[in-house]
């Protein structure tokens, strides 16, 4: 299910984020928990050839996250204004044979590099 207001709203975890002061009431969900987004993906044999290089690229991602593929740490996202590109090795052939995890962790020091409206106060 897709929601224009975010995954937490679509899952019924928070109220409509743009309604009155819901963004304040639900703030502990953003800062008090570690959120993991996980998906499976397939790779065909041509991508696994010895001459092929497969990369995972984030053109924009909320900062403060660990990125893993098949349980292997690829890096930490600390700045949402950067493009992150990770080389993928050890991929498995087949439908849904690989797992991507992005773990948003509020304990990661991001040095304050975030889009102003991410804090709620700019748009609410």
PDB file of N, CA and C in Angstrom:
ATOM      1  N   UNK A   1       0.841  -1.183   0.000  1.00  0.00           N
ATOM      2  CA  UNK A   1       0.000   0.000   0.000  1.00  0.00           C
ATOM      3  C   UNK A   1       0.878   1.235   0.000  1.00  0.00           C
ATOM      4  N   UNK A   2       0.576   2.186  -0.835  1.00  0.00           N
ATOM      5  CA  UNK A   2       1.363   3.406  -0.937  1.00  0.00           C
ATOM      6  C   UNK A   2       0.562   4.579  -0.392  1.00  0.00           C
ATOM      7  N   UNK A   3       1.235   5.438   0.342  1.00  0.00           N
ATOM      8  CA  UNK A   3       0.598   6.645   0.864  1.00  0.00           C
ATOM      9  C   UNK A   3       1.479   7.829   0.540  1.00  0.00           C
ATOM     10  N   UNK A   4       0.865   8.916   0.126  1.00  0.00           N
ATOM     11  CA  UNK A   4       1.629  10.134  -0.119  1.00  0.00           C
ATOM     12  C   UNK A   4       2.143  10.735   1.183  1.00  0.00           C
ATOM     13  N   UNK A   5       1.622  10.295   2.316  1.00  0.00           N
ATOM     14  CA  UNK A   5       2.014  10.840   3.609  1.00  0.00           C
ATOM     15  C   UNK A   5       3.014   9.972   4.337  1.00  0.00           C
ATOM     16  N   UNK A   6       3.503   8.919   3.750  1.00  0.00           N
ATOM     17  CA  UNK A   6       4.538   8.108   4.359  1.00  0.00           C
ATOM     18  C   UNK A   6       4.065   6.736   4.782  1.00  0.00           C
ATOM     19  N   UNK A   7       5.038   5.884   4.995  1.00  0.00           N
ATOM     20  CA  UNK A   7       4.773   4.495   5.346  1.00  0.00           C
ATOM     21  C   UNK A   7       4.124   4.350   6.714  1.00  0.00           C
ATOM     22  N   UNK A   8       4.527   5.187   7.672  1.00  0.00           N
ATOM     23  CA  UNK A   8       3.966   5.086   9.014  1.00  0.00           C
ATOM     24  C   UNK A   8       2.474   5.405   9.010  1.00  0.00           C
ATOM     25  N   UNK A   9       2.073   6.387   8.221  1.00  0.00           N
ATOM     26  CA  UNK A   9       0.654   6.738   8.104  1.00  0.00           C
ATOM     27  C   UNK A   9      -0.110   5.625   7.407  1.00  0.00           C
ATOM     28  N   UNK A  10       0.457   5.088   6.342  1.00  0.00           N
ATOM     29  CA  UNK A  10      -0.205   4.009   5.601  1.00  0.00           C
ATOM     30  C   UNK A  10      -0.394   2.771   6.477  1.00  0.00           C
ATOM     31  N   UNK A  11       0.533   2.530   7.415  1.00  0.00           N
ATOM     32  CA  UNK A  11       0.447   1.370   8.303  1.00  0.00           C
ATOM     33  C   UNK A  11      -0.445   1.633   9.516  1.00  0.00           C
ATOM     34  N   UNK A  12      -0.979   2.850   9.620  1.00  0.00           N
ATOM     35  CA  UNK A  12      -1.847   3.173  10.745  1.00  0.00           C
ATOM     36  C   UNK A  12      -1.102   3.452  12.042  1.00  0.00           C
ATOM     37  N   UNK A  13       0.211   3.694  11.964  1.00  0.00           N
ATOM     38  CA  UNK A  13       1.016   3.959  13.160  1.00  0.00           C
ATOM     39  C   UNK A  13       0.906   5.404  13.628  1.00  0.00           C
ATOM     40  N   UNK A  14       0.610   6.311  12.694  1.00  0.00           N
ATOM     41  CA  UNK A  14       0.475   7.723  13.039  1.00  0.00           C
ATOM     42  C   UNK A  14      -0.765   8.294  12.357  1.00  0.00           C
ATOM     43  N   UNK A  15      -1.188   9.451  12.844  1.00  0.00           N
ATOM     44  CA  UNK A  15      -2.282  10.158  12.209  1.00  0.00           C
ATOM     45  C   UNK A  15      -1.810  10.875  10.959  1.00  0.00           C
ATOM     46  N   UNK A  16      -2.716  11.512  10.276  1.00  0.00           N
ATOM     47  CA  UNK A  16      -2.391  12.308   9.081  1.00  0.00           C
ATOM     48  C   UNK A  16      -1.314  13.333   9.462  1.00  0.00           C
ATOM     49  N   UNK A  17      -0.083  13.224   8.930  1.00  0.00           N
ATOM     50  CA  UNK A  17       1.008  14.086   9.367  1.00  0.00           C
ATOM     51  C   UNK A  17       0.796  15.575   9.087  1.00  0.00           C
ATOM     52  N   UNK A  18      -0.017  15.900   8.105  1.00  0.00           N
ATOM     53  CA  UNK A  18      -0.231  17.306   7.772  1.00  0.00           C
ATOM     54  C   UNK A  18      -1.457  17.890   8.465  1.00  0.00           C
ATOM     55  N   UNK A  19      -2.096  17.131   9.336  1.00  0.00           N
ATOM     56  CA  UNK A  19      -3.292  17.593  10.033  1.00  0.00           C
ATOM     57  C   UNK A  19      -2.912  18.172  11.396  1.00  0.00           C
ATOM     58  N   UNK A  20      -3.238  19.417  11.616  1.00  0.00           N
ATOM     59  CA  UNK A  20      -3.031  20.125  12.876  1.00  0.00           C
ATOM     60  C   UNK A  20      -1.657  19.830  13.475  1.00  0.00           C
ATOM     61  N   UNK A  21      -1.592  19.334  14.713  1.00  0.00           N
ATOM     62  CA  UNK A  21      -0.308  19.103  15.389  1.00  0.00           C
ATOM     63  C   UNK A  21       0.097  17.637  15.442  1.00  0.00           C
ATOM     64  N   UNK A  22      -0.407  16.825  14.527  1.00  0.00           N
ATOM     65  CA  UNK A  22      -0.058  15.402  14.536  1.00  0.00           C
ATOM     66  C   UNK A  22       1.451  15.173  14.449  1.00  0.00           C
ATOM     67  N   UNK A  23       2.149  16.010  13.707  1.00  0.00           N
ATOM     68  CA  UNK A  23       3.589  15.815  13.559  1.00  0.00           C
ATOM     69  C   UNK A  23       4.304  15.950  14.901  1.00  0.00           C
ATOM     70  N   UNK A  24       3.790  16.772  15.804  1.00  0.00           N
ATOM     71  CA  UNK A  24       4.378  16.900  17.141  1.00  0.00           C
ATOM     72  C   UNK A  24       4.021  15.705  18.018  1.00  0.00           C
ATOM     73  N   UNK A  25       2.770  15.309  17.992  1.00  0.00           N
ATOM     74  CA  UNK A  25       2.310  14.200  18.818  1.00  0.00           C
ATOM     75  C   UNK A  25       3.037  12.899  18.460  1.00  0.00           C
ATOM     76  N   UNK A  26       3.313  12.702  17.193  1.00  0.00           N
ATOM     77  CA  UNK A  26       3.923  11.463  16.728  1.00  0.00           C
ATOM     78  C   UNK A  26       5.442  11.543  16.612  1.00  0.00           C
ATOM     79  N   UNK A  27       6.048  12.623  17.120  1.00  0.00           N
ATOM     80  CA  UNK A  27       7.485  12.839  16.964  1.00  0.00           C
ATOM     81  C   UNK A  27       8.318  11.711  17.565  1.00  0.00           C
ATOM     82  N   UNK A  28       7.873  11.111  18.673  1.00  0.00           N
ATOM     83  CA  UNK A  28       8.668  10.055  19.293  1.00  0.00           C
ATOM     84  C   UNK A  28       8.860   8.863  18.367  1.00  0.00           C
ATOM     85  N   UNK A  29       7.939   8.661  17.418  1.00  0.00           N
ATOM     86  CA  UNK A  29       8.117   7.573  16.461  1.00  0.00           C
ATOM     87  C   UNK A  29       9.320   7.810  15.558  1.00  0.00           C
ATOM     88  N   UNK A  30       9.597   9.056  15.240  1.00  0.00           N
ATOM     89  CA  UNK A  30      10.730   9.354  14.348  1.00  0.00           C
ATOM     90  C   UNK A  30      12.039   9.235  15.103  1.00  0.00           C
ATOM     91  N   UNK A  31      12.075   9.745  16.334  1.00  0.00           N
ATOM     92  CA  UNK A  31      13.336   9.847  17.062  1.00  0.00           C
ATOM     93  C   UNK A  31      13.572   8.739  18.070  1.00  0.00           C
ATOM     94  N   UNK A  32      12.550   8.057  18.501  1.00  0.00           N
ATOM     95  CA  UNK A  32      12.709   7.095  19.568  1.00  0.00           C
ATOM     96  C   UNK A  32      12.913   5.660  19.124  1.00  0.00           C
ATOM     97  N   UNK A  33      12.901   5.407  17.840  1.00  0.00           N
ATOM     98  CA  UNK A  33      12.971   4.033  17.352  1.00  0.00           C
ATOM     99  C   UNK A  33      13.980   3.891  16.225  1.00  0.00           C
ATOM    100  N   UNK A  34      14.394   2.661  15.995  1.00  0.00           N
ATOM    101  CA  UNK A  34      15.188   2.320  14.822  1.00  0.00           C
ATOM    102  C   UNK A  34      14.218   1.721  13.811  1.00  0.00           C
ATOM    103  N   UNK A  35      14.223   2.259  12.595  1.00  0.00           N
ATOM    104  CA  UNK A  35      13.315   1.806  11.534  1.00  0.00           C
ATOM    105  C   UNK A  35      14.110   1.031  10.495  1.00  0.00           C
ATOM    106  N   UNK A  36      13.621  -0.135  10.115  1.00  0.00           N
ATOM    107  CA  UNK A  36      14.280  -0.950   9.097  1.00  0.00           C
ATOM    108  C   UNK A  36      13.363  -1.117   7.902  1.00  0.00           C
ATOM    109  N   UNK A  37      13.866  -0.717   6.755  1.00  0.00           N
ATOM    110  CA  UNK A  37      13.176  -0.963   5.486  1.00  0.00           C
ATOM    111  C   UNK A  37      13.912  -2.118   4.817  1.00  0.00           C
ATOM    112  N   UNK A  38      13.159  -3.113   4.383  1.00  0.00           N
ATOM    113  CA  UNK A  38      13.766  -4.330   3.850  1.00  0.00           C
ATOM    114  C   UNK A  38      13.006  -4.756   2.602  1.00  0.00           C
ATOM    115  N   UNK A  39      13.758  -5.170   1.588  1.00  0.00           N
ATOM    116  CA  UNK A  39      13.144  -5.689   0.374  1.00  0.00           C
ATOM    117  C   UNK A  39      14.041  -6.757  -0.230  1.00  0.00           C
ATOM    118  N   UNK A  40      13.444  -7.618  -1.017  1.00  0.00           N
ATOM    119  CA  UNK A  40      14.193  -8.645  -1.730  1.00  0.00           C
ATOM    120  C   UNK A  40      14.224  -8.294  -3.207  1.00  0.00           C
ATOM    121  N   UNK A  41      15.283  -8.717  -3.874  1.00  0.00           N
ATOM    122  CA  UNK A  41      15.394  -8.443  -5.307  1.00  0.00           C
ATOM    123  C   UNK A  41      16.148  -9.586  -5.978  1.00  0.00           C
ATOM    124  N   UNK A  42      15.917  -9.701  -7.265  1.00  0.00           N
ATOM    125  CA  UNK A  42      16.559 -10.741  -8.055  1.00  0.00           C
ATOM    126  C   UNK A  42      17.671 -10.194  -8.921  1.00  0.00           C
ATOM    127  N   UNK A  43      18.556 -11.081  -9.332  1.00  0.00           N
ATOM    128  CA  UNK A  43      19.660 -10.734 -10.221  1.00  0.00           C
ATOM    129  C   UNK A  43      19.776 -11.844 -11.252  1.00  0.00           C
ATOM    130  N   UNK A  44      19.925 -11.446 -12.529  1.00  0.00           N
ATOM    131  CA  UNK A  44      20.092 -12.487 -13.542  1.00  0.00           C
ATOM    132  C   UNK A  44      21.576 -12.765 -13.759  1.00  0.00           C
ATOM    133  N   UNK A  45      21.873 -13.841 -14.446  1.00  0.00           N
ATOM    134  CA  UNK A  45      23.253 -14.316 -14.591  1.00  0.00           C
ATOM    135  C   UNK A  45      24.160 -13.300 -15.290  1.00  0.00           C
ATOM    136  N   UNK A  46      23.620 -12.479 -16.195  1.00  0.00           N
ATOM    137  CA  UNK A  46      24.470 -11.502 -16.895  1.00  0.00           C
ATOM    138  C   UNK A  46      25.047 -10.465 -15.932  1.00  0.00           C
ATOM    139  N   UNK A  47      24.331 -10.145 -14.876  1.00  0.00           N
ATOM    140  CA  UNK A  47      24.831  -9.181 -13.897  1.00  0.00           C
ATOM    141  C   UNK A  47      25.897  -9.789 -12.996  1.00  0.00           C
ATOM    142  N   UNK A  48      25.987 -11.100 -12.998  1.00  0.00           N
ATOM    143  CA  UNK A  48      26.946 -11.774 -12.126  1.00  0.00           C
ATOM    144  C   UNK A  48      28.234 -12.159 -12.835  1.00  0.00           C
ATOM    145  N   UNK A  49      28.363 -11.806 -14.125  1.00  0.00           N
ATOM    146  CA  UNK A  49      29.580 -12.159 -14.859  1.00  0.00           C
ATOM    147  C   UNK A  49      30.789 -11.461 -14.249  1.00  0.00           C
ATOM    148  N   UNK A  50      31.942 -12.008 -14.468  1.00  0.00           N
ATOM    149  CA  UNK A  50      33.163 -11.471 -13.854  1.00  0.00           C
ATOM    150  C   UNK A  50      33.508 -10.077 -14.345  1.00  0.00           C
ATOM    151  N   UNK A  51      32.976  -9.660 -15.496  1.00  0.00           N
ATOM    152  CA  UNK A  51      33.284  -8.330 -16.022  1.00  0.00           C
ATOM    153  C   UNK A  51      32.249  -7.289 -15.632  1.00  0.00           C
ATOM    154  N   UNK A  52      31.149  -7.720 -15.085  1.00  0.00           N
ATOM    155  CA  UNK A  52      30.081  -6.777 -14.737  1.00  0.00           C
ATOM    156  C   UNK A  52      30.315  -6.190 -13.346  1.00  0.00           C
ATOM    157  N   UNK A  53      30.003  -4.904 -13.207  1.00  0.00           N
ATOM    158  CA  UNK A  53      30.016  -4.247 -11.905  1.00  0.00           C
ATOM    159  C   UNK A  53      28.595  -3.797 -11.614  1.00  0.00           C
ATOM    160  N   UNK A  54      28.075  -4.246 -10.505  1.00  0.00           N
ATOM    161  CA  UNK A  54      26.723  -3.869 -10.110  1.00  0.00           C
ATOM    162  C   UNK A  54      26.824  -2.912  -8.936  1.00  0.00           C
ATOM    163  N   UNK A  55      26.074  -1.803  -9.009  1.00  0.00           N
ATOM    164  CA  UNK A  55      26.129  -0.782  -7.971  1.00  0.00           C
ATOM    165  C   UNK A  55      24.720  -0.492  -7.459  1.00  0.00           C
ATOM    166  N   UNK A  56      24.644  -0.190  -6.191  1.00  0.00           N
ATOM    167  CA  UNK A  56      23.424   0.295  -5.562  1.00  0.00           C
ATOM    168  C   UNK A  56      23.612   1.794  -5.393  1.00  0.00           C
ATOM    169  N   UNK A  57      22.689   2.585  -5.972  1.00  0.00           N
ATOM    170  CA  UNK A  57      22.842   4.043  -5.957  1.00  0.00           C
ATOM    171  C   UNK A  57      21.622   4.677  -5.302  1.00  0.00           C
ATOM    172  N   UNK A  58      21.886   5.566  -4.345  1.00  0.00           N
ATOM    173  CA  UNK A  58      20.848   6.386  -3.726  1.00  0.00           C
ATOM    174  C   UNK A  58      21.074   7.823  -4.176  1.00  0.00           C
ATOM    175  N   UNK A  59      20.153   8.354  -4.966  1.00  0.00           N
ATOM    176  CA  UNK A  59      20.251   9.760  -5.378  1.00  0.00           C
ATOM    177  C   UNK A  59      19.718  10.688  -4.295  1.00  0.00           C
ATOM    178  N   UNK A  60      18.986  10.169  -3.385  1.00  0.00           N
ATOM    179  CA  UNK A  60      18.478  10.930  -2.250  1.00  0.00           C
ATOM    180  C   UNK A  60      17.962   9.952  -1.215  1.00  0.00           C
ATOM    181  N   UNK A  61      18.465  10.066   0.004  1.00  0.00           N
ATOM    182  CA  UNK A  61      18.035   9.166   1.072  1.00  0.00           C
ATOM    183  C   UNK A  61      18.154   9.921   2.390  1.00  0.00           C
ATOM    184  N   UNK A  62      17.173   9.749   3.234  1.00  0.00           N
ATOM    185  CA  UNK A  62      17.201  10.379   4.554  1.00  0.00           C
ATOM    186  C   UNK A  62      18.437   9.894   5.290  1.00  0.00           C
ATOM    187  N   UNK A  63      19.139  10.816   5.940  1.00  0.00           N
ATOM    188  CA  UNK A  63      20.404  10.474   6.589  1.00  0.00           C
ATOM    189  C   UNK A  63      20.194   9.720   7.885  1.00  0.00           C
ATOM    190  N   UNK A  64      21.285   9.125   8.349  1.00  0.00           N
ATOM    191  CA  UNK A  64      21.279   8.363   9.582  1.00  0.00           C
ATOM    192  C   UNK A  64      20.862   6.925   9.372  1.00  0.00           C
ATOM    193  N   UNK A  65      21.476   6.253   8.385  1.00  0.00           N
ATOM    194  CA  UNK A  65      21.059   4.885   8.075  1.00  0.00           C
ATOM    195  C   UNK A  65      22.260   3.998   7.767  1.00  0.00           C
ATOM    196  N   UNK A  66      22.136   2.737   8.181  1.00  0.00           N
ATOM    197  CA  UNK A  66      23.073   1.688   7.792  1.00  0.00           C
ATOM    198  C   UNK A  66      22.486   1.006   6.554  1.00  0.00           C
ATOM    199  N   UNK A  67      23.323   0.701   5.573  1.00  0.00           N
ATOM    200  CA  UNK A  67      22.875   0.023   4.359  1.00  0.00           C
ATOM    201  C   UNK A  67      23.566  -1.332   4.290  1.00  0.00           C
ATOM    202  N   UNK A  68      22.755  -2.391   4.107  1.00  0.00           N
ATOM    203  CA  UNK A  68      23.287  -3.757   4.018  1.00  0.00           C
ATOM    204  C   UNK A  68      22.625  -4.490   2.863  1.00  0.00           C
ATOM    205  N   UNK A  69      23.395  -5.358   2.213  1.00  0.00           N
ATOM    206  CA  UNK A  69      22.852  -6.273   1.212  1.00  0.00           C
ATOM    207  C   UNK A  69      23.303  -7.675   1.613  1.00  0.00           C
ATOM    208  N   UNK A  70      22.321  -8.570   1.728  1.00  0.00           N
ATOM    209  CA  UNK A  70      22.562  -9.953   2.150  1.00  0.00           C
ATOM    210  C   UNK A  70      23.326 -10.011   3.473  1.00  0.00           C
ATOM    211  N   UNK A  71      23.026  -9.073   4.356  1.00  0.00           N
ATOM    212  CA  UNK A  71      23.653  -9.032   5.668  1.00  0.00           C
ATOM    213  C   UNK A  71      25.025  -8.403   5.707  1.00  0.00           C
ATOM    214  N   UNK A  72      25.560  -8.020   4.545  1.00  0.00           N
ATOM    215  CA  UNK A  72      26.895  -7.428   4.461  1.00  0.00           C
ATOM    216  C   UNK A  72      26.773  -5.905   4.521  1.00  0.00           C
ATOM    217  N   UNK A  73      27.423  -5.263   5.503  1.00  0.00           N
ATOM    218  CA  UNK A  73      27.366  -3.799   5.584  1.00  0.00           C
ATOM    219  C   UNK A  73      28.039  -3.153   4.369  1.00  0.00           C
ATOM    220  N   UNK A  74      27.340  -2.202   3.751  1.00  0.00           N
ATOM    221  CA  UNK A  74      27.897  -1.471   2.611  1.00  0.00           C
ATOM    222  C   UNK A  74      28.385  -0.090   3.021  1.00  0.00           C
ATOM    223  N   UNK A  75      27.732   0.508   3.995  1.00  0.00           N
ATOM    224  CA  UNK A  75      28.125   1.841   4.427  1.00  0.00           C
ATOM    225  C   UNK A  75      27.054   2.473   5.287  1.00  0.00           C
ATOM    226  N   UNK A  76      27.360   3.709   5.709  1.00  0.00           N
ATOM    227  CA  UNK A  76      26.441   4.484   6.535  1.00  0.00           C
ATOM    228  C   UNK A  76      26.113   5.777   5.802  1.00  0.00           C
ATOM    229  N   UNK A  77      24.845   6.091   5.730  1.00  0.00           N
ATOM    230  CA  UNK A  77      24.375   7.320   5.098  1.00  0.00           C
ATOM    231  C   UNK A  77      24.304   8.389   6.176  1.00  0.00           C
ATOM    232  N   UNK A  78      25.060   9.490   5.996  1.00  0.00           N
ATOM    233  CA  UNK A  78      25.100  10.539   7.010  1.00  0.00           C
ATOM    234  C   UNK A  78      24.683  11.910   6.493  1.00  0.00           C
ATOM    235  N   UNK A  79      24.482  12.050   5.203  1.00  0.00           N
ATOM    236  CA  UNK A  79      24.195  13.366   4.633  1.00  0.00           C
ATOM    237  C   UNK A  79      23.203  13.199   3.497  1.00  0.00           C
ATOM    238  N   UNK A  80      21.994  13.722   3.650  1.00  0.00           N
ATOM    239  CA  UNK A  80      20.987  13.503   2.621  1.00  0.00           C
ATOM    240  C   UNK A  80      21.207  14.340   1.371  1.00  0.00           C
ATOM    241  N   UNK A  81      22.239  15.168   1.346  1.00  0.00           N
ATOM    242  CA  UNK A  81      22.531  15.964   0.166  1.00  0.00           C
ATOM    243  C   UNK A  81      23.574  15.302  -0.742  1.00  0.00           C
ATOM    244  N   UNK A  82      24.069  14.144  -0.341  1.00  0.00           N
ATOM    245  CA  UNK A  82      25.066  13.435  -1.141  1.00  0.00           C
ATOM    246  C   UNK A  82      24.431  12.294  -1.910  1.00  0.00           C
ATOM    247  N   UNK A  83      25.073  11.919  -3.002  1.00  0.00           N
ATOM    248  CA  UNK A  83      24.692  10.729  -3.754  1.00  0.00           C
ATOM    249  C   UNK A  83      25.557   9.592  -3.245  1.00  0.00           C
ATOM    250  N   UNK A  84      24.933   8.511  -2.843  1.00  0.00           N
ATOM    251  CA  UNK A  84      25.662   7.353  -2.330  1.00  0.00           C
ATOM    252  C   UNK A  84      25.642   6.248  -3.367  1.00  0.00           C
ATOM    253  N   UNK A  85      26.815   5.651  -3.609  1.00  0.00           N
ATOM    254  CA  UNK A  85      26.951   4.567  -4.571  1.00  0.00           C
ATOM    255  C   UNK A  85      27.792   3.467  -3.926  1.00  0.00           C
ATOM    256  N   UNK A  86      27.229   2.271  -3.868  1.00  0.00           N
ATOM    257  CA  UNK A  86      27.900   1.145  -3.231  1.00  0.00           C
ATOM    258  C   UNK A  86      28.096   0.028  -4.242  1.00  0.00           C
ATOM    259  N   UNK A  87      29.317  -0.513  -4.324  1.00  0.00           N
ATOM    260  CA  UNK A  87      29.586  -1.677  -5.169  1.00  0.00           C
ATOM    261  C   UNK A  87      28.971  -2.901  -4.501  1.00  0.00           C
ATOM    262  N   UNK A  88      28.310  -3.720  -5.302  1.00  0.00           N
ATOM    263  CA  UNK A  88      27.680  -4.928  -4.791  1.00  0.00           C
ATOM    264  C   UNK A  88      28.476  -6.144  -5.228  1.00  0.00           C
ATOM    265  N   UNK A  89      28.876  -6.930  -4.264  1.00  0.00           N
ATOM    266  CA  UNK A  89      29.600  -8.168  -4.542  1.00  0.00           C
ATOM    267  C   UNK A  89      28.888  -9.305  -3.830  1.00  0.00           C
ATOM    268  N   UNK A  90      29.067 -10.503  -4.331  1.00  0.00           N
ATOM    269  CA  UNK A  90      28.478 -11.662  -3.682  1.00  0.00           C
ATOM    270  C   UNK A  90      26.973 -11.776  -3.863  1.00  0.00           C
ATOM    271  N   UNK A  91      26.457 -11.179  -4.932  1.00  0.00           N
ATOM    272  CA  UNK A  91      25.019 -11.300  -5.187  1.00  0.00           C
ATOM    273  C   UNK A  91      24.676 -12.717  -5.607  1.00  0.00           C
ATOM    274  N   UNK A  92      23.449 -13.087  -5.352  1.00  0.00           N
ATOM    275  CA  UNK A  92      22.966 -14.435  -5.675  1.00  0.00           C
ATOM    276  C   UNK A  92      22.010 -14.361  -6.861  1.00  0.00           C
ATOM    277  N   UNK A  93      22.144 -15.309  -7.754  1.00  0.00           N
ATOM    278  CA  UNK A  93      21.257 -15.376  -8.915  1.00  0.00           C
ATOM    279  C   UNK A  93      19.887 -15.897  -8.503  1.00  0.00           C
ATOM    280  N   UNK A  94      18.850 -15.323  -9.114  1.00  0.00           N
ATOM    281  CA  UNK A  94      17.496 -15.811  -8.891  1.00  0.00           C
ATOM    282  C   UNK A  94      16.554 -14.745  -8.376  1.00  0.00           C
ATOM    283  N   UNK A  95      15.262 -15.013  -8.554  1.00  0.00           N
ATOM    284  CA  UNK A  95      14.224 -14.095  -8.092  1.00  0.00           C
ATOM    285  C   UNK A  95      14.245 -13.990  -6.570  1.00  0.00           C
ATOM    286  N   UNK A  96      14.257 -12.768  -6.077  1.00  0.00           N
ATOM    287  CA  UNK A  96      14.214 -12.496  -4.634  1.00  0.00           C
ATOM    288  C   UNK A  96      15.287 -13.226  -3.835  1.00  0.00           C
ATOM    289  N   UNK A  97      16.433 -13.497  -4.451  1.00  0.00           N
ATOM    290  CA  UNK A  97      17.509 -14.226  -3.779  1.00  0.00           C
ATOM    291  C   UNK A  97      18.391 -13.306  -2.933  1.00  0.00           C
ATOM    292  N   UNK A  98      18.215 -11.988  -3.080  1.00  0.00           N
ATOM    293  CA  UNK A  98      19.043 -11.015  -2.373  1.00  0.00           C
ATOM    294  C   UNK A  98      18.158 -10.111  -1.520  1.00  0.00           C
ATOM    295  N   UNK A  99      18.732  -9.609  -0.434  1.00  0.00           N
ATOM    296  CA  UNK A  99      17.978  -8.757   0.477  1.00  0.00           C
ATOM    297  C   UNK A  99      18.708  -7.440   0.700  1.00  0.00           C
ATOM    298  N   UNK A 100      17.987  -6.347   0.518  1.00  0.00           N
ATOM    299  CA  UNK A 100      18.483  -5.006   0.815  1.00  0.00           C
ATOM    300  C   UNK A 100      17.833  -4.546   2.104  1.00  0.00           C
ATOM    301  N   UNK A 101      18.651  -4.058   3.042  1.00  0.00           N
ATOM    302  CA  UNK A 101      18.145  -3.485   4.279  1.00  0.00           C
ATOM    303  C   UNK A 101      18.705  -2.078   4.443  1.00  0.00           C
ATOM    304  N   UNK A 102      17.827  -1.141   4.773  1.00  0.00           N
ATOM    305  CA  UNK A 102      18.221   0.216   5.126  1.00  0.00           C
ATOM    306  C   UNK A 102      17.689   0.438   6.538  1.00  0.00           C
ATOM    307  N   UNK A 103      18.604   0.599   7.473  1.00  0.00           N
ATOM    308  CA  UNK A 103      18.241   0.692   8.889  1.00  0.00           C
ATOM    309  C   UNK A 103      18.475   2.122   9.352  1.00  0.00           C
ATOM    310  N   UNK A 104      17.386   2.853   9.575  1.00  0.00           N
ATOM    311  CA  UNK A 104      17.464   4.234  10.050  1.00  0.00           C
ATOM    312  C   UNK A 104      17.624   4.213  11.566  1.00  0.00           C
ATOM    313  N   UNK A 105      18.730   4.779  12.030  1.00  0.00           N
ATOM    314  CA  UNK A 105      19.112   4.700  13.436  1.00  0.00           C
ATOM    315  C   UNK A 105      19.385   6.116  13.952  1.00  0.00           C
ATOM    316  N   UNK A 106      18.579   6.571  14.893  1.00  0.00           N
ATOM    317  CA  UNK A 106      18.717   7.945  15.397  1.00  0.00           C
ATOM    318  C   UNK A 106      20.005   8.159  16.188  1.00  0.00           C
ATOM    319  N   UNK A 107      20.736   7.097  16.521  1.00  0.00           N
ATOM    320  CA  UNK A 107      21.989   7.265  17.254  1.00  0.00           C
ATOM    321  C   UNK A 107      23.168   7.621  16.331  1.00  0.00           C
ATOM    322  N   UNK A 108      22.977   7.550  15.018  1.00  0.00           N
ATOM    323  CA  UNK A 108      24.050   7.898  14.075  1.00  0.00           C
ATOM    324  C   UNK A 108      24.205   9.416  14.046  1.00  0.00           C
ATOM    325  N   UNK A 109      25.430   9.896  14.271  1.00  0.00           N
ATOM    326  CA  UNK A 109      25.710  11.332  14.245  1.00  0.00           C
ATOM    327  C   UNK A 109      25.720  11.811  12.792  1.00  0.00           C
ATOM    328  N   UNK A 110      24.767  12.672  12.459  1.00  0.00           N
ATOM    329  CA  UNK A 110      24.658  13.174  11.093  1.00  0.00           C
ATOM    330  C   UNK A 110      25.094  14.622  10.978  1.00  0.00           C
ATOM    331  N   UNK A 111      25.590  15.188  12.064  1.00  0.00           N
ATOM    332  CA  UNK A 111      26.131  16.548  12.084  1.00  0.00           C
ATOM    333  C   UNK A 111      25.155  17.594  11.570  1.00  0.00           C
ATOM    334  N   UNK A 112      23.877  17.362  11.717  1.00  0.00           N
ATOM    335  CA  UNK A 112      22.885  18.370  11.370  1.00  0.00           C
ATOM    336  C   UNK A 112      22.660  18.616   9.899  1.00  0.00           C
ATOM    337  N   UNK A 113      23.175  17.753   9.030  1.00  0.00           N
ATOM    338  CA  UNK A 113      23.004  17.953   7.588  1.00  0.00           C
ATOM    339  C   UNK A 113      21.706  17.324   7.131  1.00  0.00           C
ATOM    340  N   UNK A 114      20.620  18.086   7.153  1.00  0.00           N
ATOM    341  CA  UNK A 114      19.338  17.586   6.696  1.00  0.00           C
ATOM    342  C   UNK A 114      18.534  18.731   6.107  1.00  0.00           C
ATOM    343  N   UNK A 115      17.584  18.382   5.289  1.00  0.00           N
ATOM    344  CA  UNK A 115      16.712  19.349   4.661  1.00  0.00           C
ATOM    345  C   UNK A 115      15.858  19.995   5.753  1.00  0.00           C
ATOM    346  N   UNK A 116      15.748  21.313   5.727  1.00  0.00           N
ATOM    347  CA  UNK A 116      15.061  22.051   6.783  1.00  0.00           C
ATOM    348  C   UNK A 116      13.644  21.537   7.044  1.00  0.00           C
ATOM    349  N   UNK A 117      12.907  21.218   6.012  1.00  0.00           N
ATOM    350  CA  UNK A 117      11.527  20.793   6.230  1.00  0.00           C
ATOM    351  C   UNK A 117      11.422  19.399   6.822  1.00  0.00           C
ATOM    352  N   UNK A 118      12.552  18.663   6.969  1.00  0.00           N
ATOM    353  CA  UNK A 118      12.528  17.354   7.615  1.00  0.00           C
ATOM    354  C   UNK A 118      12.194  17.465   9.086  1.00  0.00           C
ATOM    355  N   UNK A 119      12.416  18.635   9.677  1.00  0.00           N
ATOM    356  CA  UNK A 119      12.189  18.804  11.102  1.00  0.00           C
ATOM    357  C   UNK A 119      10.753  19.088  11.473  1.00  0.00           C
ATOM    358  N   UNK A 120       9.885  19.267  10.496  1.00  0.00           N
ATOM    359  CA  UNK A 120       8.476  19.507  10.778  1.00  0.00           C
ATOM    360  C   UNK A 120       8.157  20.972  10.938  1.00  0.00           C
ATOM    361  N   UNK A 121       9.005  21.702  11.596  1.00  0.00           N
ATOM    362  CA  UNK A 121       8.721  23.091  11.905  1.00  0.00           C
ATOM    363  C   UNK A 121       8.688  23.985  10.686  1.00  0.00           C
ATOM    364  N   UNK A 122       9.280  23.609   9.600  1.00  0.00           N
ATOM    365  CA  UNK A 122       9.309  24.468   8.420  1.00  0.00           C
ATOM    366  C   UNK A 122       7.996  24.442   7.644  1.00  0.00           C
ATOM    367  N   UNK A 123       7.252  23.374   7.732  1.00  0.00           N
ATOM    368  CA  UNK A 123       6.060  23.251   6.912  1.00  0.00           C
ATOM    369  C   UNK A 123       4.781  23.173   7.730  1.00  0.00           C
ATOM    370  N   UNK A 124       4.899  22.985   9.024  1.00  0.00           N
ATOM    371  CA  UNK A 124       3.687  22.780   9.819  1.00  0.00           C
ATOM    372  C   UNK A 124       3.199  24.056  10.458  1.00  0.00           C
TER     373      UNK A 124
END
